[in-house]
Amino acid sequence: MEVKFAFAHCTECRAVFILRANVPPDRWWLRLKFQLLVVRDHALIFVIVQLVNLKLYAVC
């Protein structure tokens, strides 16, 4: 019966591969900056829509 190594060993010499995950450094401030920019844009769009509604439905 043949033992399967599931890509953890070389198929010719059976040397063990050293597998490491390529994890980028955690840059939480960039994620926070992006989220704040998204909140700003949504708030701006909300205010613009409310002002347009106010102008359209204003009773003079």
N, C-alpha and C. Protein backbone atom coordinates (compact mmCIF):
# COMPACT_ATOMS: atom_id res chain seq x y z
N MET A 1 0.84 -1.18 0.00
CA MET A 1 0.00 0.00 0.00
C MET A 1 0.89 1.25 0.00
N GLU A 2 0.55 2.19 -0.85
CA GLU A 2 1.36 3.41 -0.98
C GLU A 2 0.84 4.49 -0.04
N VAL A 3 1.77 5.13 0.66
CA VAL A 3 1.41 6.21 1.58
C VAL A 3 1.31 7.50 0.80
N LYS A 4 0.23 8.23 0.99
CA LYS A 4 0.03 9.49 0.28
C LYS A 4 0.41 10.64 1.20
N PHE A 5 1.19 11.58 0.66
CA PHE A 5 1.70 12.68 1.46
C PHE A 5 0.94 13.99 1.24
N ALA A 6 0.03 14.01 0.31
CA ALA A 6 -0.82 15.19 0.06
C ALA A 6 -0.02 16.47 -0.15
N PHE A 7 0.94 16.42 -1.06
CA PHE A 7 1.75 17.58 -1.46
C PHE A 7 2.59 18.14 -0.32
N ALA A 8 2.89 17.36 0.69
CA ALA A 8 3.74 17.82 1.78
C ALA A 8 5.16 17.29 1.62
N HIS A 9 5.38 16.41 0.65
CA HIS A 9 6.70 15.83 0.41
C HIS A 9 7.00 15.87 -1.08
N CYS A 10 8.27 15.89 -1.41
CA CYS A 10 8.70 15.82 -2.80
C CYS A 10 8.36 14.43 -3.34
N THR A 11 7.85 14.37 -4.57
CA THR A 11 7.46 13.08 -5.13
C THR A 11 8.65 12.23 -5.53
N GLU A 12 9.81 12.84 -5.75
CA GLU A 12 10.97 12.06 -6.17
C GLU A 12 11.84 11.62 -5.00
N CYS A 13 12.16 12.55 -4.11
CA CYS A 13 13.10 12.21 -3.03
C CYS A 13 12.44 12.11 -1.66
N ARG A 14 11.15 12.35 -1.59
CA ARG A 14 10.37 12.28 -0.34
C ARG A 14 10.84 13.28 0.73
N ALA A 15 11.50 14.34 0.31
CA ALA A 15 11.91 15.39 1.25
C ALA A 15 10.67 16.16 1.70
N VAL A 16 10.66 16.52 2.95
CA VAL A 16 9.50 17.23 3.51
C VAL A 16 9.56 18.70 3.09
N PHE A 17 8.46 19.19 2.54
CA PHE A 17 8.35 20.60 2.24
C PHE A 17 8.06 21.36 3.53
N ILE A 18 8.63 22.56 3.64
CA ILE A 18 8.33 23.43 4.77
C ILE A 18 7.24 24.39 4.30
N LEU A 19 6.04 24.17 4.78
CA LEU A 19 4.90 24.95 4.34
C LEU A 19 4.63 26.07 5.32
N ARG A 20 4.56 27.29 4.80
CA ARG A 20 4.26 28.45 5.63
C ARG A 20 3.15 29.25 4.97
N ALA A 21 2.26 29.77 5.77
CA ALA A 21 1.20 30.62 5.25
C ALA A 21 1.75 32.02 5.01
N ASN A 22 1.38 32.59 3.89
CA ASN A 22 1.81 33.95 3.57
C ASN A 22 0.74 34.91 4.09
N VAL A 23 0.84 35.28 5.34
CA VAL A 23 -0.15 36.15 5.98
C VAL A 23 0.43 37.56 6.05
N PRO A 24 -0.23 38.52 5.41
CA PRO A 24 0.28 39.89 5.48
C PRO A 24 0.12 40.44 6.90
N PRO A 25 0.92 41.43 7.26
CA PRO A 25 0.79 42.02 8.60
C PRO A 25 -0.59 42.66 8.77
N ASP A 26 -1.10 42.58 9.98
CA ASP A 26 -2.42 43.13 10.26
C ASP A 26 -2.34 44.65 10.27
N ARG A 27 -3.02 45.26 9.32
CA ARG A 27 -3.03 46.72 9.23
C ARG A 27 -4.44 47.21 9.54
N TRP A 28 -4.77 47.17 10.81
CA TRP A 28 -6.13 47.50 11.24
C TRP A 28 -6.47 48.95 10.97
N TRP A 29 -5.46 49.83 10.96
CA TRP A 29 -5.75 51.25 10.74
C TRP A 29 -6.20 51.51 9.30
N LEU A 30 -5.68 50.72 8.35
CA LEU A 30 -6.14 50.89 6.97
C LEU A 30 -7.59 50.44 6.82
N ARG A 31 -7.93 49.34 7.48
CA ARG A 31 -9.31 48.85 7.44
C ARG A 31 -10.24 49.87 8.11
N LEU A 32 -9.81 50.44 9.23
CA LEU A 32 -10.61 51.44 9.93
C LEU A 32 -10.77 52.70 9.07
N LYS A 33 -9.70 53.12 8.41
CA LYS A 33 -9.76 54.29 7.54
C LYS A 33 -10.76 54.06 6.41
N PHE A 34 -10.71 52.88 5.81
CA PHE A 34 -11.64 52.55 4.73
C PHE A 34 -13.08 52.57 5.23
N GLN A 35 -13.32 52.00 6.40
CA GLN A 35 -14.68 51.96 6.95
C GLN A 35 -15.18 53.37 7.25
N LEU A 36 -14.31 54.23 7.76
CA LEU A 36 -14.72 55.61 8.04
C LEU A 36 -15.03 56.37 6.75
N LEU A 37 -14.26 56.12 5.70
CA LEU A 37 -14.54 56.76 4.41
C LEU A 37 -15.88 56.29 3.85
N VAL A 38 -16.18 55.03 4.01
CA VAL A 38 -17.47 54.50 3.55
C VAL A 38 -18.61 55.14 4.33
N VAL A 39 -18.46 55.26 5.65
CA VAL A 39 -19.49 55.90 6.48
C VAL A 39 -19.67 57.35 6.06
N ARG A 40 -18.57 58.05 5.79
CA ARG A 40 -18.66 59.45 5.36
C ARG A 40 -19.44 59.57 4.05
N ASP A 41 -19.12 58.70 3.10
CA ASP A 41 -19.80 58.75 1.80
C ASP A 41 -21.29 58.44 1.94
N HIS A 42 -21.63 57.46 2.75
CA HIS A 42 -23.04 57.13 2.94
C HIS A 42 -23.79 58.28 3.62
N ALA A 43 -23.16 58.91 4.59
CA ALA A 43 -23.79 60.04 5.27
C ALA A 43 -23.99 61.20 4.30
N LEU A 44 -23.01 61.46 3.45
CA LEU A 44 -23.13 62.54 2.47
C LEU A 44 -24.27 62.26 1.49
N ILE A 45 -24.36 61.05 1.00
CA ILE A 45 -25.45 60.69 0.08
C ILE A 45 -26.80 60.82 0.78
N PHE A 46 -26.88 60.39 2.03
CA PHE A 46 -28.12 60.50 2.80
C PHE A 46 -28.55 61.96 2.93
N VAL A 47 -27.61 62.83 3.27
CA VAL A 47 -27.93 64.26 3.43
C VAL A 47 -28.37 64.86 2.10
N ILE A 48 -27.71 64.52 1.02
CA ILE A 48 -28.10 65.04 -0.30
C ILE A 48 -29.51 64.59 -0.67
N VAL A 49 -29.82 63.34 -0.45
CA VAL A 49 -31.16 62.83 -0.76
C VAL A 49 -32.20 63.53 0.10
N GLN A 50 -31.90 63.76 1.36
CA GLN A 50 -32.85 64.45 2.24
C GLN A 50 -33.07 65.89 1.79
N LEU A 51 -32.01 66.56 1.36
CA LEU A 51 -32.15 67.94 0.88
C LEU A 51 -32.96 68.00 -0.41
N VAL A 52 -32.75 67.05 -1.30
CA VAL A 52 -33.53 67.00 -2.54
C VAL A 52 -35.00 66.75 -2.21
N ASN A 53 -35.27 65.84 -1.29
CA ASN A 53 -36.66 65.58 -0.89
C ASN A 53 -37.29 66.82 -0.26
N LEU A 54 -36.52 67.54 0.52
CA LEU A 54 -37.03 68.75 1.15
C LEU A 54 -37.40 69.79 0.10
N LYS A 55 -36.55 69.93 -0.93
CA LYS A 55 -36.82 70.90 -1.99
C LYS A 55 -38.02 70.48 -2.83
N LEU A 56 -38.16 69.19 -3.10
CA LEU A 56 -39.25 68.71 -3.95
C LEU A 56 -40.61 68.79 -3.26
N TYR A 57 -40.63 68.50 -1.98
CA TYR A 57 -41.90 68.40 -1.28
C TYR A 57 -42.16 69.57 -0.33
N ALA A 58 -41.38 70.63 -0.46
CA ALA A 58 -41.57 71.80 0.41
C ALA A 58 -42.86 72.53 0.00
N VAL A 59 -43.62 72.87 1.00
CA VAL A 59 -44.86 73.62 0.76
C VAL A 59 -44.56 75.09 1.03
N CYS A 60 -44.65 75.89 0.00
CA CYS A 60 -44.35 77.32 0.15
C CYS A 60 -45.61 78.14 0.25
